[in-house]
Amino acid sequence: MGLLRRVFGRLGEDESERRAAAIRQWAGSLPGVTPIATAAPRTVARVAGVVETIRVLPREGVPAIEAVVGDGTGSVTAIWLGRRSLPGLTLGTRIVLEGRLGGDPRALQIMNPHYDFSAPAGG
């Protein structure tokens, strides 16, 4: 059993690294996009990545959508206040966000960003 776990564990790691590399390559090919790992708080930035998680919850009594977007170098939490849904926002969707970054370098947030959905790989 230990051998199978090690083999399948390595396959999973390799797949996640291949996925992260593909996202980094895609995001790096877009004009004007900053890698999330190098984006600085309190600056206006344009970042691109894949939606990893989505939550809908009240924030200070106002409905809000939170989506964690990762680009293979880091992640940022996009927050849209006053919304319960955002058409087209699904797990795995490629998205480009633009707005002022908040938080600290370990937990970046971007409030009510401008967004654009990108075509999936190969399309």
C-alpha atoms as a PDB file:
ATOM      1  CA  MET A   1       0.000   0.000   0.000  1.00  0.00           C
ATOM      2  CA  GLY A   2       2.818   2.433   0.808  1.00  0.00           C
ATOM      3  CA  LEU A   3       4.293   2.040  -2.689  1.00  0.00           C
ATOM      4  CA  LEU A   4       0.956   2.798  -4.369  1.00  0.00           C
ATOM      5  CA  ARG A   5       0.465   5.904  -2.225  1.00  0.00           C
ATOM      6  CA  ARG A   6       3.939   7.156  -3.119  1.00  0.00           C
ATOM      7  CA  VAL A   7       3.422   6.537  -6.850  1.00  0.00           C
ATOM      8  CA  PHE A   8      -0.037   8.133  -6.950  1.00  0.00           C
ATOM      9  CA  GLY A   9       1.112  10.973  -4.696  1.00  0.00           C
ATOM     10  CA  ARG A  10       3.932  11.778  -7.142  1.00  0.00           C
ATOM     11  CA  LEU A  11       1.533  11.653 -10.077  1.00  0.00           C
ATOM     12  CA  GLY A  12      -0.783  14.110  -8.294  1.00  0.00           C
ATOM     13  CA  GLU A  13       2.094  16.463  -7.507  1.00  0.00           C
ATOM     14  CA  ASP A  14       3.337  16.314 -11.074  1.00  0.00           C
ATOM     15  CA  GLU A  15      -0.165  17.075 -12.377  1.00  0.00           C
ATOM     16  CA  SER A  16      -0.637  20.029 -10.026  1.00  0.00           C
ATOM     17  CA  GLU A  17       2.772  21.421 -11.025  1.00  0.00           C
ATOM     18  CA  ARG A  18       1.919  20.982 -14.739  1.00  0.00           C
ATOM     19  CA  ARG A  19      -1.388  22.781 -14.147  1.00  0.00           C
ATOM     20  CA  ALA A  20       0.350  25.646 -12.297  1.00  0.00           C
ATOM     21  CA  ALA A  21       2.948  25.929 -15.088  1.00  0.00           C
ATOM     22  CA  ALA A  22       0.206  26.067 -17.743  1.00  0.00           C
ATOM     23  CA  ILE A  23      -1.617  28.815 -15.829  1.00  0.00           C
ATOM     24  CA  ARG A  24       1.643  30.789 -15.369  1.00  0.00           C
ATOM     25  CA  GLN A  25       2.379  30.483 -19.097  1.00  0.00           C
ATOM     26  CA  TRP A  26      -1.137  31.612 -20.066  1.00  0.00           C
ATOM     27  CA  ALA A  27      -1.187  34.542 -17.598  1.00  0.00           C
ATOM     28  CA  GLY A  28       2.320  35.587 -18.666  1.00  0.00           C
ATOM     29  CA  SER A  29       1.230  35.738 -22.304  1.00  0.00           C
ATOM     30  CA  LEU A  30      -1.414  38.401 -21.616  1.00  0.00           C
ATOM     31  CA  PRO A  31      -0.373  42.035 -22.153  1.00  0.00           C
ATOM     32  CA  GLY A  32      -0.093  44.207 -19.054  1.00  0.00           C
ATOM     33  CA  VAL A  33      -0.594  41.378 -16.557  1.00  0.00           C
ATOM     34  CA  THR A  34       1.485  41.258 -13.361  1.00  0.00           C
ATOM     35  CA  PRO A  35       2.232  37.892 -11.698  1.00  0.00           C
ATOM     36  CA  ILE A  36       0.318  37.771  -8.413  1.00  0.00           C
ATOM     37  CA  ALA A  37       3.490  36.926  -6.470  1.00  0.00           C
ATOM     38  CA  THR A  38       5.052  40.251  -7.514  1.00  0.00           C
ATOM     39  CA  ALA A  39       1.923  42.411  -7.155  1.00  0.00           C
ATOM     40  CA  ALA A  40       2.213  44.944  -4.338  1.00  0.00           C
ATOM     41  CA  PRO A  41      -0.560  46.004  -1.940  1.00  0.00           C
ATOM     42  CA  ARG A  42      -2.001  49.503  -2.388  1.00  0.00           C
ATOM     43  CA  THR A  43      -1.228  49.531  -6.110  1.00  0.00           C
ATOM     44  CA  VAL A  44      -3.517  49.226  -9.108  1.00  0.00           C
ATOM     45  CA  ALA A  45      -2.709  45.951 -10.826  1.00  0.00           C
ATOM     46  CA  ARG A  46      -3.926  43.747 -13.642  1.00  0.00           C
ATOM     47  CA  VAL A  47      -3.661  40.049 -12.750  1.00  0.00           C
ATOM     48  CA  ALA A  48      -4.891  36.888 -14.434  1.00  0.00           C
ATOM     49  CA  GLY A  49      -5.559  33.413 -13.147  1.00  0.00           C
ATOM     50  CA  VAL A  50      -8.006  30.598 -12.630  1.00  0.00           C
ATOM     51  CA  VAL A  51     -10.922  30.690 -10.172  1.00  0.00           C
ATOM     52  CA  GLU A  52     -10.023  28.218  -7.402  1.00  0.00           C
ATOM     53  CA  THR A  53     -12.838  28.825  -4.893  1.00  0.00           C
ATOM     54  CA  ILE A  54     -16.097  30.796  -4.780  1.00  0.00           C
ATOM     55  CA  ARG A  55     -18.089  31.840  -1.711  1.00  0.00           C
ATOM     56  CA  VAL A  56     -21.280  33.858  -1.442  1.00  0.00           C
ATOM     57  CA  LEU A  57     -21.755  35.442   1.958  1.00  0.00           C
ATOM     58  CA  PRO A  58     -22.810  38.642   3.642  1.00  0.00           C
ATOM     59  CA  ARG A  59     -19.991  41.093   4.313  1.00  0.00           C
ATOM     60  CA  GLU A  60     -20.875  43.823   6.794  1.00  0.00           C
ATOM     61  CA  GLY A  61     -24.565  43.133   6.145  1.00  0.00           C
ATOM     62  CA  VAL A  62     -24.191  43.364   2.348  1.00  0.00           C
ATOM     63  CA  PRO A  63     -24.259  40.337   0.027  1.00  0.00           C
ATOM     64  CA  ALA A  64     -20.836  39.602  -1.447  1.00  0.00           C
ATOM     65  CA  ILE A  65     -19.124  37.135  -3.755  1.00  0.00           C
ATOM     66  CA  GLU A  66     -15.562  36.111  -2.926  1.00  0.00           C
ATOM     67  CA  ALA A  67     -13.466  34.262  -5.490  1.00  0.00           C
ATOM     68  CA  VAL A  68      -9.904  33.113  -4.909  1.00  0.00           C
ATOM     69  CA  VAL A  69      -7.962  33.430  -8.164  1.00  0.00           C
ATOM     70  CA  GLY A  70      -4.563  31.769  -8.585  1.00  0.00           C
ATOM     71  CA  ASP A  71      -1.983  32.178 -11.342  1.00  0.00           C
ATOM     72  CA  GLY A  72       0.568  29.521 -10.358  1.00  0.00           C
ATOM     73  CA  THR A  73       2.722  32.109  -8.528  1.00  0.00           C
ATOM     74  CA  GLY A  74       0.218  33.146  -5.862  1.00  0.00           C
ATOM     75  CA  SER A  75      -3.422  33.973  -5.277  1.00  0.00           C
ATOM     76  CA  VAL A  76      -5.674  36.972  -4.743  1.00  0.00           C
ATOM     77  CA  THR A  77      -9.207  37.131  -3.326  1.00  0.00           C
ATOM     78  CA  ALA A  78     -11.572  39.124  -5.546  1.00  0.00           C
ATOM     79  CA  ILE A  79     -14.580  40.519  -3.679  1.00  0.00           C
ATOM     80  CA  TRP A  80     -17.672  41.922  -5.370  1.00  0.00           C
ATOM     81  CA  LEU A  81     -19.944  43.704  -2.888  1.00  0.00           C
ATOM     82  CA  GLY A  82     -23.703  43.888  -3.358  1.00  0.00           C
ATOM     83  CA  ARG A  83     -23.905  40.787  -5.540  1.00  0.00           C
ATOM     84  CA  ARG A  84     -25.187  37.282  -5.009  1.00  0.00           C
ATOM     85  CA  SER A  85     -24.118  36.027  -8.429  1.00  0.00           C
ATOM     86  CA  LEU A  86     -21.764  36.943 -11.232  1.00  0.00           C
ATOM     87  CA  PRO A  87     -22.727  35.391 -14.598  1.00  0.00           C
ATOM     88  CA  GLY A  88     -19.866  33.309 -15.973  1.00  0.00           C
ATOM     89  CA  LEU A  89     -17.998  32.994 -12.672  1.00  0.00           C
ATOM     90  CA  THR A  90     -17.451  29.279 -12.101  1.00  0.00           C
ATOM     91  CA  LEU A  91     -14.678  27.127 -10.681  1.00  0.00           C
ATOM     92  CA  GLY A  92     -11.834  26.706 -13.158  1.00  0.00           C
ATOM     93  CA  THR A  93     -12.763  29.800 -15.187  1.00  0.00           C
ATOM     94  CA  ARG A  94      -9.869  31.868 -16.506  1.00  0.00           C
ATOM     95  CA  ILE A  95     -10.282  35.496 -15.492  1.00  0.00           C
ATOM     96  CA  VAL A  96      -8.393  38.783 -15.743  1.00  0.00           C
ATOM     97  CA  LEU A  97      -8.897  41.181 -12.815  1.00  0.00           C
ATOM     98  CA  GLU A  98      -7.975  44.842 -12.565  1.00  0.00           C
ATOM     99  CA  GLY A  99      -8.200  47.109  -9.544  1.00  0.00           C
ATOM    100  CA  ARG A 100      -6.477  48.332  -6.392  1.00  0.00           C
ATOM    101  CA  LEU A 101      -4.942  45.576  -4.290  1.00  0.00           C
ATOM    102  CA  GLY A 102      -5.462  45.581  -0.536  1.00  0.00           C
ATOM    103  CA  GLY A 103      -4.379  43.410   2.342  1.00  0.00           C
ATOM    104  CA  ASP A 104      -0.798  42.320   2.763  1.00  0.00           C
ATOM    105  CA  PRO A 105       1.477  40.406   0.354  1.00  0.00           C
ATOM    106  CA  ARG A 106       0.459  37.060   1.931  1.00  0.00           C
ATOM    107  CA  ALA A 107      -3.300  37.716   1.629  1.00  0.00           C
ATOM    108  CA  LEU A 108      -4.008  40.080  -1.262  1.00  0.00           C
ATOM    109  CA  GLN A 109      -7.570  41.242  -1.894  1.00  0.00           C
ATOM    110  CA  ILE A 110      -9.108  43.258  -4.689  1.00  0.00           C
ATOM    111  CA  MET A 111     -12.476  44.924  -4.069  1.00  0.00           C
ATOM    112  CA  ASN A 112     -15.045  45.237  -6.891  1.00  0.00           C
ATOM    113  CA  PRO A 113     -12.452  44.628  -9.621  1.00  0.00           C
ATOM    114  CA  HIS A 114     -13.035  45.086 -13.308  1.00  0.00           C
ATOM    115  CA  TYR A 115     -13.030  41.603 -14.786  1.00  0.00           C
ATOM    116  CA  ASP A 116     -12.856  39.849 -18.118  1.00  0.00           C
ATOM    117  CA  PHE A 117     -13.317  36.134 -18.699  1.00  0.00           C
ATOM    118  CA  SER A 118     -10.784  34.528 -21.006  1.00  0.00           C
ATOM    119  CA  ALA A 119     -11.352  31.757 -23.492  1.00  0.00           C
ATOM    120  CA  PRO A 120     -10.324  28.303 -22.240  1.00  0.00           C
ATOM    121  CA  ALA A 121      -7.068  26.775 -23.401  1.00  0.00           C
ATOM    122  CA  GLY A 122      -7.146  25.869 -27.063  1.00  0.00           C
ATOM    123  CA  GLY A 123     -10.178  28.062 -27.685  1.00  0.00           C
END
